[in-house]
């Protein structure tokens, strides 16, 4: 049977733009704080429908509408203290990347019918569209300045029934599978019905049903229990925000005060404080050093804390392991400082555009190179500082370095009253499932939680209140398929789809030239 011609748009452009914007808003609903995961399926379906038969210019416009509607809602926390410019700039940048991805998906809808038979069209279109969506997420997660892997389809499913799949595929693989299912459903609805094709038409329906069943029934990869670690974690709720009024030592004091109820606790293996918890250099201040010594001594465990560390002309966001009488024994420097938050890339250029905003960032943090693990009396703990947690490679590295538990330190004080902390917490939950490890996600101001390897909550503290947790946290060893091959899964799905699209384009172009040279009968 000859290939079908390219499809016509399902919606006129004006309606497609409106529907695409609505899809972006619905996609945001699938993320915390609403966390209604089914809306991701609806949003993706609507977004894809607007791209069927769309021209390059039309797909750019509809993709931009989706991206703007989603990011303006999803990252509105970036406007909390410094005004709308960073929020608008970030949202526009991410939306432009989404628009570029929309063009590729529109080309897939245009070219697949011209090279594929009707029987193979549904499967090829579904896989290709899902791969191109995943490729777009890969670009936003790596470009520019290290990328911003926030708002991925896979992350939206942390509260849904498909989350366990992430231990096999990583977040990128889960995004691919969700989009592939939705794209297949869209194609089944669009496919023409003929009586002679009744049995053959069951094939794509069967494939779709198998995909859904596999996602629902496949269990998380089972890592190996190795005991427990008694973790004391403290949320000081101090003045840790960039714009909070404070004196040097105020944050340390708040952490110390919130830790005092733990003095004399029995059999504690480690005491955890959040990012930015020590605001005086204990190697320069005997008073700060004495405070840390007493905390470690009274709790009876080494302290994992965090501070700014200056080395020559460079600044590092540094976590450290402190032991009574010994001081700092191990350090980890944040690998992924936040562009325009912890450092300014191309500072002179951006200062010429927004000098007041850029001037507020008085120092630039240098990315760290140290391994993201601490050996705490024989137990290996994986580490991540704040937005470190959204970068796949760092978390996987910790597991490969032997981490049996993760200690995530963060400071959400600049985002009080927003859902940023809940979105970041959702990523931490997904990391627990992905790696098969428990996670202690501790914030200066909340929300803080201890998360089991299956993603369930073991213990927690509410936001904007000082408090502590004393938790026997399960330890695990063994590597999940996501940790071992997640990078390859992402690369194959993403760039493999791009390569297939290029091949389709070449074949369509050659076919068009051949038809043009064929003389009319």
Protein backbone atom coordinates (compact mmCIF):
# COMPACT_ATOMS: atom_id res chain seq x y z
CA UNK A 1 0.00 0.00 0.00
CA UNK A 2 1.49 3.40 -0.93
CA UNK A 3 2.51 5.85 1.79
CA UNK A 4 -0.04 8.45 2.78
CA UNK A 5 0.43 12.13 2.04
CA UNK A 6 1.50 14.53 4.78
CA UNK A 7 -1.35 15.21 7.21
CA UNK A 8 -3.31 18.42 7.34
CA UNK A 9 -3.47 20.44 10.56
CA UNK A 10 -6.15 19.24 12.96
CA UNK A 11 -6.68 22.75 14.28
CA UNK A 12 -6.40 26.18 12.67
CA UNK A 13 -3.34 28.06 13.86
CA UNK A 14 -5.19 30.44 16.17
CA UNK A 15 -6.90 27.53 17.91
CA UNK A 16 -3.67 25.52 18.03
CA UNK A 17 -1.87 28.35 19.82
CA UNK A 18 -4.68 28.64 22.38
CA UNK A 19 -4.85 24.89 22.94
CA UNK A 20 -1.06 24.66 23.23
CA UNK A 21 -1.01 27.40 25.87
CA UNK A 22 -3.76 25.58 27.77
CA UNK A 23 -1.71 22.38 27.54
CA UNK A 24 1.28 24.14 29.08
CA UNK A 25 -0.84 25.34 31.98
CA UNK A 26 -2.29 21.84 32.48
CA UNK A 27 1.21 20.36 32.42
CA UNK A 28 2.13 22.58 35.36
CA UNK A 29 -0.79 21.13 37.32
CA UNK A 30 0.91 17.71 37.23
CA UNK A 31 3.79 19.10 39.32
CA UNK A 32 3.77 20.07 43.01
CA UNK A 33 2.08 21.71 44.75
CA UNK A 34 -1.05 20.39 42.96
CA UNK A 35 0.76 17.20 41.86
CA UNK A 36 -2.13 15.83 39.81
CA UNK A 37 -0.01 13.47 37.70
CA UNK A 38 -2.73 12.45 35.14
CA UNK A 39 -2.76 15.98 33.77
CA UNK A 40 0.66 15.34 32.21
CA UNK A 41 -0.99 12.83 29.85
CA UNK A 42 -3.71 15.32 28.91
CA UNK A 43 -1.18 18.11 28.44
CA UNK A 44 1.14 16.07 26.24
CA UNK A 45 -1.79 14.86 24.12
CA UNK A 46 -3.05 18.40 23.53
CA UNK A 47 0.46 19.63 22.75
CA UNK A 48 0.96 16.90 20.15
CA UNK A 49 -2.43 17.46 18.53
CA UNK A 50 -1.52 21.09 17.87
CA UNK A 51 1.61 20.02 15.96
CA UNK A 52 0.05 17.55 13.52
CA UNK A 53 0.31 18.96 10.00
CA UNK A 54 1.79 22.20 11.25
CA UNK A 55 4.29 24.26 9.25
CA UNK A 56 7.67 25.24 10.68
CA UNK A 57 6.49 28.71 11.56
CA UNK A 58 3.23 27.43 13.00
CA UNK A 59 4.96 24.79 15.11
CA UNK A 60 7.40 27.39 16.43
CA UNK A 61 4.49 29.54 17.54
CA UNK A 62 2.48 26.73 19.11
CA UNK A 63 5.57 25.29 20.82
CA UNK A 64 6.44 28.72 22.17
CA UNK A 65 2.92 29.07 23.57
CA UNK A 66 3.22 25.72 25.37
CA UNK A 67 6.67 26.52 26.74
CA UNK A 68 5.76 30.00 27.97
CA UNK A 69 2.52 28.88 29.61
CA UNK A 70 4.30 26.05 31.41
CA UNK A 71 7.48 27.78 32.55
CA UNK A 72 5.85 31.06 33.54
CA UNK A 73 3.77 29.04 36.00
CA UNK A 74 6.30 26.37 36.94
CA UNK A 75 9.27 28.61 37.78
CA UNK A 76 7.42 31.68 39.03
CA UNK A 77 9.36 31.26 42.28
CA UNK A 78 12.36 32.89 40.55
CA UNK A 79 10.53 36.23 40.73
CA UNK A 80 9.95 36.03 44.47
CA UNK A 81 12.67 38.48 45.56
CA UNK A 82 14.39 40.03 42.56
CA UNK A 83 11.45 40.97 40.38
CA UNK A 84 10.15 39.65 37.08
CA UNK A 85 13.24 39.96 34.86
CA UNK A 86 14.99 36.67 35.82
CA UNK A 87 11.65 34.84 35.76
CA UNK A 88 10.75 36.16 32.33
CA UNK A 89 14.24 35.59 30.93
CA UNK A 90 14.42 31.99 32.15
CA UNK A 91 10.89 31.21 30.99
CA UNK A 92 11.52 32.69 27.54
CA UNK A 93 14.81 30.83 27.12
CA UNK A 94 13.28 27.48 28.06
CA UNK A 95 10.21 28.19 25.91
CA UNK A 96 12.42 28.88 22.88
CA UNK A 97 14.04 25.48 23.32
CA UNK A 98 10.58 23.92 23.62
CA UNK A 99 9.61 25.70 20.40
CA UNK A 100 12.64 24.25 18.62
CA UNK A 101 11.64 20.79 19.79
CA UNK A 102 8.10 21.41 18.54
CA UNK A 103 9.46 22.02 15.04
CA UNK A 104 11.17 18.63 15.05
CA UNK A 105 8.00 16.90 16.22
CA UNK A 106 5.98 18.68 13.52
CA UNK A 107 8.49 17.46 10.92
CA UNK A 108 8.06 13.91 12.23
CA UNK A 109 4.30 14.18 11.76
CA UNK A 110 4.88 15.50 8.24
CA UNK A 111 7.49 12.99 7.07
CA UNK A 112 6.52 9.66 8.66
CA UNK A 113 3.35 9.20 6.53
CA UNK A 114 5.39 9.79 3.39
CA UNK A 115 7.84 6.96 4.05
CA UNK A 116 5.93 4.46 6.22
CA UNK A 117 3.06 2.13 5.45
CA UNK A 118 -0.19 2.55 7.32
CA UNK A 119 0.52 -0.53 9.49
CA UNK A 120 3.89 0.78 10.70
CA UNK A 121 2.90 4.43 10.90
CA UNK A 122 1.46 4.41 14.42
CA UNK A 123 4.43 2.68 16.01
CA UNK A 124 7.07 4.70 14.14
CA UNK A 125 5.34 8.01 14.80
CA UNK A 126 4.90 7.24 18.50
CA UNK A 127 8.51 6.21 19.06
CA UNK A 128 9.92 9.07 17.01
CA UNK A 129 7.79 11.76 18.64
CA UNK A 130 8.65 10.45 22.11
CA UNK A 131 12.36 10.40 21.27
CA UNK A 132 12.25 13.97 19.97
CA UNK A 133 10.44 15.13 23.11
CA UNK A 134 13.12 13.40 25.19
CA UNK A 135 15.83 15.06 23.08
CA UNK A 136 14.30 18.44 23.80
CA UNK A 137 14.40 17.67 27.53
CA UNK A 138 18.06 16.66 27.13
CA UNK A 139 18.85 20.03 25.56
CA UNK A 140 17.11 22.03 28.29
CA UNK A 141 19.00 19.90 30.82
CA UNK A 142 22.41 20.71 29.40
CA UNK A 143 22.27 24.05 27.55
CA UNK A 144 23.20 26.81 28.15
CA UNK A 145 25.58 27.06 31.11
CA UNK A 146 25.03 23.47 32.18
CA UNK A 147 21.30 23.55 31.52
CA UNK A 148 18.20 23.51 33.70
CA UNK A 149 16.71 19.98 33.84
CA UNK A 150 13.52 21.16 35.53
CA UNK A 151 9.97 20.25 34.56
CA UNK A 152 10.58 16.93 32.80
CA UNK A 153 7.64 14.67 32.01
CA UNK A 154 9.20 11.88 34.06
CA UNK A 155 9.43 14.08 37.13
CA UNK A 156 5.71 14.82 36.96
CA UNK A 157 4.99 11.12 37.56
CA UNK A 158 6.63 10.82 40.98
CA UNK A 159 3.22 10.54 42.67
CA UNK A 160 1.73 8.29 40.00
CA UNK A 161 1.71 4.53 39.37
CA UNK A 162 4.54 4.63 36.81
CA UNK A 163 7.28 6.07 39.05
CA UNK A 164 8.98 2.73 39.71
CA UNK A 165 9.95 2.48 36.04
CA UNK A 166 12.53 5.19 36.68
CA UNK A 167 14.79 2.67 38.42
CA UNK A 168 15.11 0.86 35.09
CA UNK A 169 15.28 3.75 32.64
CA UNK A 170 16.13 6.94 34.49
CA UNK A 171 13.97 10.04 34.24
CA UNK A 172 14.63 10.41 30.51
CA UNK A 173 13.43 6.88 29.84
CA UNK A 174 10.26 7.45 31.85
CA UNK A 175 9.60 10.66 29.90
CA UNK A 176 10.04 8.71 26.66
CA UNK A 177 7.62 5.95 27.67
CA UNK A 178 4.92 8.35 28.85
CA UNK A 179 5.10 10.47 25.69
CA UNK A 180 5.21 7.34 23.49
CA UNK A 181 2.01 6.04 25.08
CA UNK A 182 0.27 9.38 24.61
CA UNK A 183 1.52 9.72 21.02
CA UNK A 184 0.29 6.19 20.22
CA UNK A 185 -3.12 7.02 21.64
CA UNK A 186 -3.28 10.17 19.51
CA UNK A 187 -2.37 8.17 16.40
CA UNK A 188 -4.98 5.50 17.14
CA UNK A 189 -7.67 8.16 17.35
CA UNK A 190 -6.45 9.75 14.12
CA UNK A 191 -6.07 6.50 12.16
CA UNK A 192 -8.79 5.80 9.56
CA UNK A 193 -10.96 2.74 10.19
CA UNK A 194 -11.54 0.10 7.51
CA UNK A 195 -13.25 -3.25 7.87
CA UNK A 196 -10.45 -5.13 6.11
CA UNK A 197 -8.01 -3.74 8.64
CA UNK A 198 -9.93 -4.78 11.73
CA UNK A 199 -7.47 -7.50 12.78
CA UNK A 200 -4.37 -5.63 11.72
CA UNK A 201 -5.64 -2.58 13.54
CA UNK A 202 -5.46 -4.53 16.78
CA UNK A 203 -1.66 -4.65 16.56
CA UNK A 204 -0.98 -1.03 17.58
CA UNK A 205 -3.76 -1.27 20.15
CA UNK A 206 -2.02 -4.33 21.57
CA UNK A 207 1.35 -2.58 21.61
CA UNK A 208 -0.17 0.37 23.43
CA UNK A 209 -1.87 -1.93 25.95
CA UNK A 210 1.39 -3.79 26.55
CA UNK A 211 3.25 -0.54 27.15
CA UNK A 212 0.68 0.62 29.69
CA UNK A 213 0.65 -2.77 31.43
CA UNK A 214 4.44 -2.87 31.63
CA UNK A 215 4.57 0.60 33.13
CA UNK A 216 1.97 -0.30 35.72
CA UNK A 217 3.21 -3.74 36.69
CA UNK A 218 7.00 -3.62 36.46
CA UNK A 219 8.44 -3.35 39.98
CA UNK A 220 11.32 -1.10 40.92
CA UNK A 221 14.74 -2.71 40.65
CA UNK A 222 15.50 -4.36 43.99
CA UNK A 223 18.68 -3.13 45.67
CA UNK A 224 20.21 -5.02 48.60
CA UNK A 225 19.45 -4.05 52.24
CA UNK A 226 22.57 -3.68 54.40
CA UNK A 227 21.16 -2.41 57.68
CA UNK A 228 20.28 1.06 58.92
CA UNK A 229 21.99 4.34 59.74
CA UNK A 230 20.65 6.50 62.57
CA UNK A 231 20.53 10.00 61.15
CA UNK A 232 19.83 13.10 63.22
CA UNK A 233 18.84 15.94 60.89
CA UNK A 234 18.12 19.52 61.93
CA UNK A 235 16.10 22.24 60.21
CA UNK A 236 17.09 25.46 61.94
CA UNK A 237 14.66 27.83 60.15
CA UNK A 238 17.19 30.63 60.54
CA UNK A 239 17.61 33.82 58.48
CA UNK A 240 19.27 31.96 55.61
CA UNK A 241 17.75 33.88 52.69
CA UNK A 242 19.83 36.14 50.50
CA UNK A 243 17.83 39.16 51.59
CA UNK A 244 17.22 38.19 55.22
CA UNK A 245 18.52 40.64 57.81
CA UNK A 246 21.14 38.94 59.93
CA UNK A 247 24.49 39.20 61.63
CA UNK A 248 27.36 36.78 61.12
CA UNK A 249 26.66 33.69 63.15
CA UNK A 250 22.86 34.02 63.26
CA UNK A 251 22.32 30.98 61.03
CA UNK A 252 24.80 28.91 63.02
CA UNK A 253 23.00 29.95 66.21
CA UNK A 254 19.62 28.89 64.84
CA UNK A 255 21.02 25.51 63.85
CA UNK A 256 22.67 25.09 67.24
CA UNK A 257 19.46 25.94 69.10
CA UNK A 258 17.40 23.52 67.01
CA UNK A 259 20.00 20.79 67.65
CA UNK A 260 20.03 21.09 71.44
CA UNK A 261 17.03 18.74 71.93
CA UNK A 262 19.20 16.03 70.39
CA UNK A 263 21.97 16.41 72.97
CA UNK A 264 22.36 13.07 74.69
CA UNK A 265 20.55 11.10 71.98
CA UNK A 266 21.64 7.48 71.85
CA UNK A 267 23.45 5.66 69.05
CA UNK A 268 23.40 8.50 66.49
CA UNK A 269 25.57 7.69 63.47
CA UNK A 270 25.61 11.11 61.81
CA UNK A 271 24.21 14.58 62.44
CA UNK A 272 23.10 16.42 59.29
CA UNK A 273 22.71 20.17 58.87
CA UNK A 274 21.45 21.82 55.65
CA UNK A 275 23.10 24.00 53.02
CA UNK A 276 24.39 27.30 54.37
CA UNK A 277 24.08 26.12 57.97
CA UNK A 278 27.47 27.48 59.10
CA UNK A 279 27.89 31.18 58.32
CA UNK A 280 31.19 31.67 60.15
CA UNK A 281 34.39 29.94 59.05
CA UNK A 282 35.20 27.54 61.92
CA UNK A 283 38.81 27.35 60.74
CA UNK A 284 39.13 31.09 61.37
CA UNK A 285 36.76 31.47 64.34
CA UNK A 286 37.51 29.58 67.59
CA UNK A 287 33.97 30.36 68.77
CA UNK A 288 32.40 28.70 65.72
CA UNK A 289 34.77 25.74 66.00
CA UNK A 290 33.88 25.30 69.68
CA UNK A 291 30.17 25.35 68.81
CA UNK A 292 30.61 22.64 66.18
CA UNK A 293 32.78 20.59 68.53
CA UNK A 294 30.14 20.73 71.25
CA UNK A 295 27.33 19.81 68.86
CA UNK A 296 29.24 16.77 67.59
CA UNK A 297 30.27 15.80 71.11
CA UNK A 298 26.81 16.15 72.70
CA UNK A 299 25.06 14.30 69.90
CA UNK A 300 27.83 11.73 69.83
CA UNK A 301 28.28 11.68 66.06
CA UNK A 302 30.19 13.44 63.29
CA UNK A 303 28.46 16.48 61.78
CA UNK A 304 27.83 17.00 58.07
CA UNK A 305 27.32 20.74 57.54
CA UNK A 306 27.84 23.34 54.82
CA UNK A 307 29.41 26.76 54.39
CA UNK A 308 30.99 29.12 51.88
CA UNK A 309 34.71 28.43 51.53
CA UNK A 310 37.16 30.90 50.05
CA UNK A 311 40.42 29.63 48.54
CA UNK A 312 42.48 32.42 47.14
CA UNK A 313 40.25 34.29 44.70
CA UNK A 314 37.75 31.43 44.37
CA UNK A 315 34.60 30.66 46.32
CA UNK A 316 33.08 27.22 46.80
CA UNK A 317 29.76 26.03 48.16
CA UNK A 318 31.30 23.40 50.43
CA UNK A 319 29.84 20.61 52.51
CA UNK A 320 32.14 19.17 55.15
CA UNK A 321 32.32 16.40 57.71
CA UNK A 322 33.27 17.74 61.14
CA UNK A 323 34.38 15.60 64.06
CA UNK A 324 34.82 16.75 67.66
CA UNK A 325 38.48 17.47 68.30
CA UNK A 326 39.52 16.87 64.69
CA UNK A 327 37.69 19.57 62.77
CA UNK A 328 37.07 19.15 59.05
CA UNK A 329 37.92 15.66 57.82
CA UNK A 330 36.21 15.47 54.39
CA UNK A 331 34.79 18.02 51.96
CA UNK A 332 32.57 18.12 48.90
CA UNK A 333 32.24 21.21 46.68
CA UNK A 334 28.96 21.78 44.85
CA UNK A 335 29.35 20.59 41.26
CA UNK A 336 26.55 22.63 39.72
CA UNK A 337 26.41 26.20 41.05
CA UNK A 338 23.32 27.97 39.76
CA UNK A 339 23.90 30.39 36.85
CA UNK A 340 22.73 33.90 37.77
CA UNK A 341 22.19 32.71 41.32
CA UNK A 342 25.58 31.54 42.53
CA UNK A 343 27.67 32.86 39.66
CA UNK A 344 27.28 35.03 36.59
CA UNK A 345 28.55 33.59 33.30
CA UNK A 346 29.81 36.22 30.88
CA UNK A 347 29.42 38.77 33.64
CA UNK A 348 30.44 41.84 31.64
CA UNK A 349 27.88 41.14 28.93
CA UNK A 350 24.96 40.63 31.30
CA UNK A 351 26.03 43.52 33.51
CA UNK A 352 25.64 45.80 30.49
CA UNK A 353 22.01 44.63 30.18
CA UNK A 354 20.91 44.54 33.83
CA UNK A 355 23.65 46.11 35.95
CA UNK A 356 21.58 46.35 39.15
CA UNK A 357 20.55 42.70 39.11
CA UNK A 358 23.98 41.40 38.18
CA UNK A 359 25.58 43.62 40.81
CA UNK A 360 23.55 41.86 43.50
CA UNK A 361 25.56 38.67 42.87
CA UNK A 362 28.77 39.82 44.47
CA UNK A 363 30.79 36.65 44.14
CA UNK A 364 31.03 33.78 41.70
CA UNK A 365 31.14 30.20 42.97
CA UNK A 366 33.53 27.81 41.27
CA UNK A 367 32.22 24.33 40.33
CA UNK A 368 33.70 21.60 42.48
CA UNK A 369 35.64 18.54 41.37
CA UNK A 370 35.65 16.40 44.53
CA UNK A 371 33.76 13.07 44.62
CA UNK A 372 30.13 13.43 45.83
CA UNK A 373 30.49 10.99 48.72
CA UNK A 374 31.59 10.94 52.37
CA UNK A 375 32.85 7.87 54.21
CA UNK A 376 31.09 8.16 57.57
CA UNK A 377 32.67 5.55 59.81
CA UNK A 378 32.46 2.91 57.10
CA UNK A 379 29.11 3.91 55.61
CA UNK A 380 29.31 5.69 52.26
CA UNK A 381 26.89 8.61 51.93
CA UNK A 382 26.13 10.19 48.57
CA UNK A 383 25.88 13.98 48.50
CA UNK A 384 24.14 16.71 46.56
CA UNK A 385 23.75 20.39 47.40
CA UNK A 386 20.47 22.06 46.46
CA UNK A 387 20.05 22.10 42.65
CA UNK A 388 22.77 19.46 42.34
CA UNK A 389 19.92 16.99 42.83
CA UNK A 390 18.36 17.72 39.42
CA UNK A 391 21.47 16.62 37.49
CA UNK A 392 21.42 12.90 36.67
CA UNK A 393 25.15 12.36 36.30
CA UNK A 394 26.07 13.58 39.78
CA UNK A 395 23.53 11.39 41.57
CA UNK A 396 24.51 8.34 39.52
CA UNK A 397 28.18 9.00 40.30
CA UNK A 398 27.44 8.85 44.02
CA UNK A 399 25.81 5.44 43.65
CA UNK A 400 28.69 4.14 41.55
CA UNK A 401 31.10 5.41 44.22
CA UNK A 402 29.41 3.13 46.73
CA UNK A 403 26.75 5.34 48.33
CA UNK A 404 24.39 3.38 50.59
CA UNK A 405 22.33 6.46 51.48
CA UNK A 406 21.97 9.99 50.13
CA UNK A 407 22.25 13.16 52.21
CA UNK A 408 20.83 16.08 50.22
CA UNK A 409 21.39 19.55 51.70
CA UNK A 410 19.46 22.54 50.45
CA UNK A 411 18.53 26.11 51.30
CA UNK A 412 15.06 27.15 50.16
CA UNK A 413 14.91 30.34 52.24
CA UNK A 414 14.85 32.57 49.17
CA UNK A 415 11.69 30.78 47.98
CA UNK A 416 9.54 30.90 51.11
CA UNK A 417 5.87 30.90 50.24
CA UNK A 418 6.38 29.23 46.85
CA UNK A 419 6.22 25.62 45.72
CA UNK A 420 9.92 25.49 44.76
CA UNK A 421 10.79 23.38 47.79
CA UNK A 422 8.03 20.89 46.94
CA UNK A 423 9.18 20.61 43.34
CA UNK A 424 12.75 19.98 44.49
CA UNK A 425 11.50 17.48 47.05
CA UNK A 426 9.68 15.61 44.27
CA UNK A 427 12.98 15.28 42.41
CA UNK A 428 14.58 13.91 45.59
CA UNK A 429 11.78 11.33 45.89
CA UNK A 430 12.35 10.27 42.30
CA UNK A 431 16.10 9.95 42.99
CA UNK A 432 15.36 7.55 45.83
CA UNK A 433 13.36 5.29 43.50
CA UNK A 434 15.83 5.70 40.65
CA UNK A 435 18.85 4.66 42.71
CA UNK A 436 17.15 2.30 45.17
CA UNK A 437 18.56 4.35 48.04
CA UNK A 438 17.09 6.20 51.00
CA UNK A 439 17.34 9.98 50.84
CA UNK A 440 17.52 12.50 53.65
CA UNK A 441 16.47 15.78 52.02
CA UNK A 442 17.20 18.56 54.52
CA UNK A 443 16.41 22.24 54.06
CA UNK A 444 17.22 25.28 56.16
CA UNK A 445 13.55 26.23 56.23
CA UNK A 446 11.72 23.15 54.87
CA UNK A 447 10.09 21.12 53.67
CA UNK A 448 12.52 18.42 54.93
CA UNK A 449 11.90 14.68 54.64
CA UNK A 450 13.48 11.26 55.03
CA UNK A 451 12.52 9.22 51.97
CA UNK A 452 12.61 5.43 51.68
CA UNK A 453 14.09 3.66 48.62
CA UNK A 454 10.56 3.17 47.26
CA UNK A 455 9.85 6.90 47.39
CA UNK A 456 7.59 6.80 50.44
CA UNK A 457 8.07 9.26 53.29
CA UNK A 458 9.61 7.87 56.49
CA UNK A 459 9.82 11.12 58.44
CA UNK A 460 9.34 14.81 57.81
CA UNK A 461 9.34 18.38 59.09
CA UNK A 462 6.91 21.13 58.05
CA UNK A 463 8.15 24.26 56.34
CA UNK A 464 9.02 27.46 58.21
CA UNK A 465 9.46 25.81 61.59
CA UNK A 466 12.62 24.79 63.44
CA UNK A 467 12.79 21.11 64.23
CA UNK A 468 14.73 17.89 64.09
CA UNK A 469 14.35 14.28 62.97
CA UNK A 470 15.99 11.24 64.51
CA UNK A 471 15.49 8.43 62.03
CA UNK A 472 16.75 4.91 61.48
CA UNK A 473 17.30 5.15 57.74
CA UNK A 474 17.57 1.97 55.60
CA UNK A 475 20.88 1.41 53.82
CA UNK A 476 21.11 -0.26 50.39
CA UNK A 477 23.80 -1.42 47.98
CA UNK A 478 23.67 -2.55 44.37
CA UNK A 479 23.22 -0.53 41.21
CA UNK A 480 19.93 -0.10 39.38
CA UNK A 481 19.83 -0.25 35.56
CA UNK A 482 19.16 3.49 35.58
CA UNK A 483 22.44 4.16 37.38
CA UNK A 484 24.40 1.78 35.16
CA UNK A 485 22.94 2.71 31.78
CA UNK A 486 20.81 5.83 32.27
CA UNK A 487 23.19 8.02 30.30
CA UNK A 488 23.16 5.60 27.38
CA UNK A 489 19.37 5.31 27.52
CA UNK A 490 19.05 9.08 27.30
CA UNK A 491 21.55 9.35 24.46
CA UNK A 492 20.08 6.52 22.40
CA UNK A 493 16.48 7.65 22.79
CA UNK A 494 17.20 11.34 22.25
CA UNK A 495 19.90 11.50 19.62
CA UNK A 496 18.76 8.28 17.99
CA UNK A 497 15.40 9.97 17.35
CA UNK A 498 17.13 13.02 15.90
CA UNK A 499 19.21 10.79 13.62
CA UNK A 500 16.09 8.93 12.46
CA UNK A 501 14.36 12.24 11.73
CA UNK A 502 17.32 13.40 9.65
CA UNK A 503 17.23 10.11 7.75
CA UNK A 504 13.52 10.54 7.10
CA UNK A 505 14.13 14.05 5.83
CA UNK A 506 16.78 12.83 3.41
CA UNK A 507 14.54 10.06 2.14
CA UNK A 508 11.57 12.40 1.67
CA UNK A 509 13.75 14.88 -0.19
CA UNK A 510 15.10 12.19 -2.50
CA UNK A 511 11.60 10.91 -3.09
CA UNK A 512 10.39 14.39 -3.97
CA UNK A 513 13.23 14.82 -6.46
CA UNK A 514 12.48 11.43 -8.00
CA UNK A 515 8.83 12.29 -8.44
CA UNK A 516 9.73 15.64 -9.97
CA UNK A 517 11.91 13.89 -12.62
CA UNK A 518 9.30 11.28 -13.52
CA UNK A 519 7.58 12.34 -16.77
CA UNK A 520 3.84 12.53 -16.79
CA UNK A 521 2.09 9.65 -18.66
